[in-house]
């Protein structure tokens, strides 16, 4: 995906900042810069969802990293490629970008530092 843009929403950005894993996103997508809407930076949740979708829409080759399911559906309806945290981690695993131990460490950090909750079936796929 080199040459494309990656736009982060507040929940995704917050989780990966809290766990010191933001370089993982840049490395996986092979981008030098990540796009963060001003409202996301200010952590204005409702506005940031719309602003993140708007920014991703302005960059047709982008991927929007976002967890809010309602906002994801809206973005998908607009033709935006959207990835949530579990899908991002699973893609990192399946592509060989991260090994099982690195996935397990990232999952643990997200659970402990961000209180991120994974469904049991998702954990089984990630850690299996």
Foldseek 3Di string as FASTA:
>chain_A
DPPAAEEEAQVVVVLCVLLVNPVVVCVVVVHPDHHYDPCSVVPPHVVRLVRSLVVQLVRVRYEYEDDDPVSVVVSVVSVHHYDYDLRVLLVCDVVVVDDLVRLVSSVVSSCPRVVDDDDPVSCVSSND
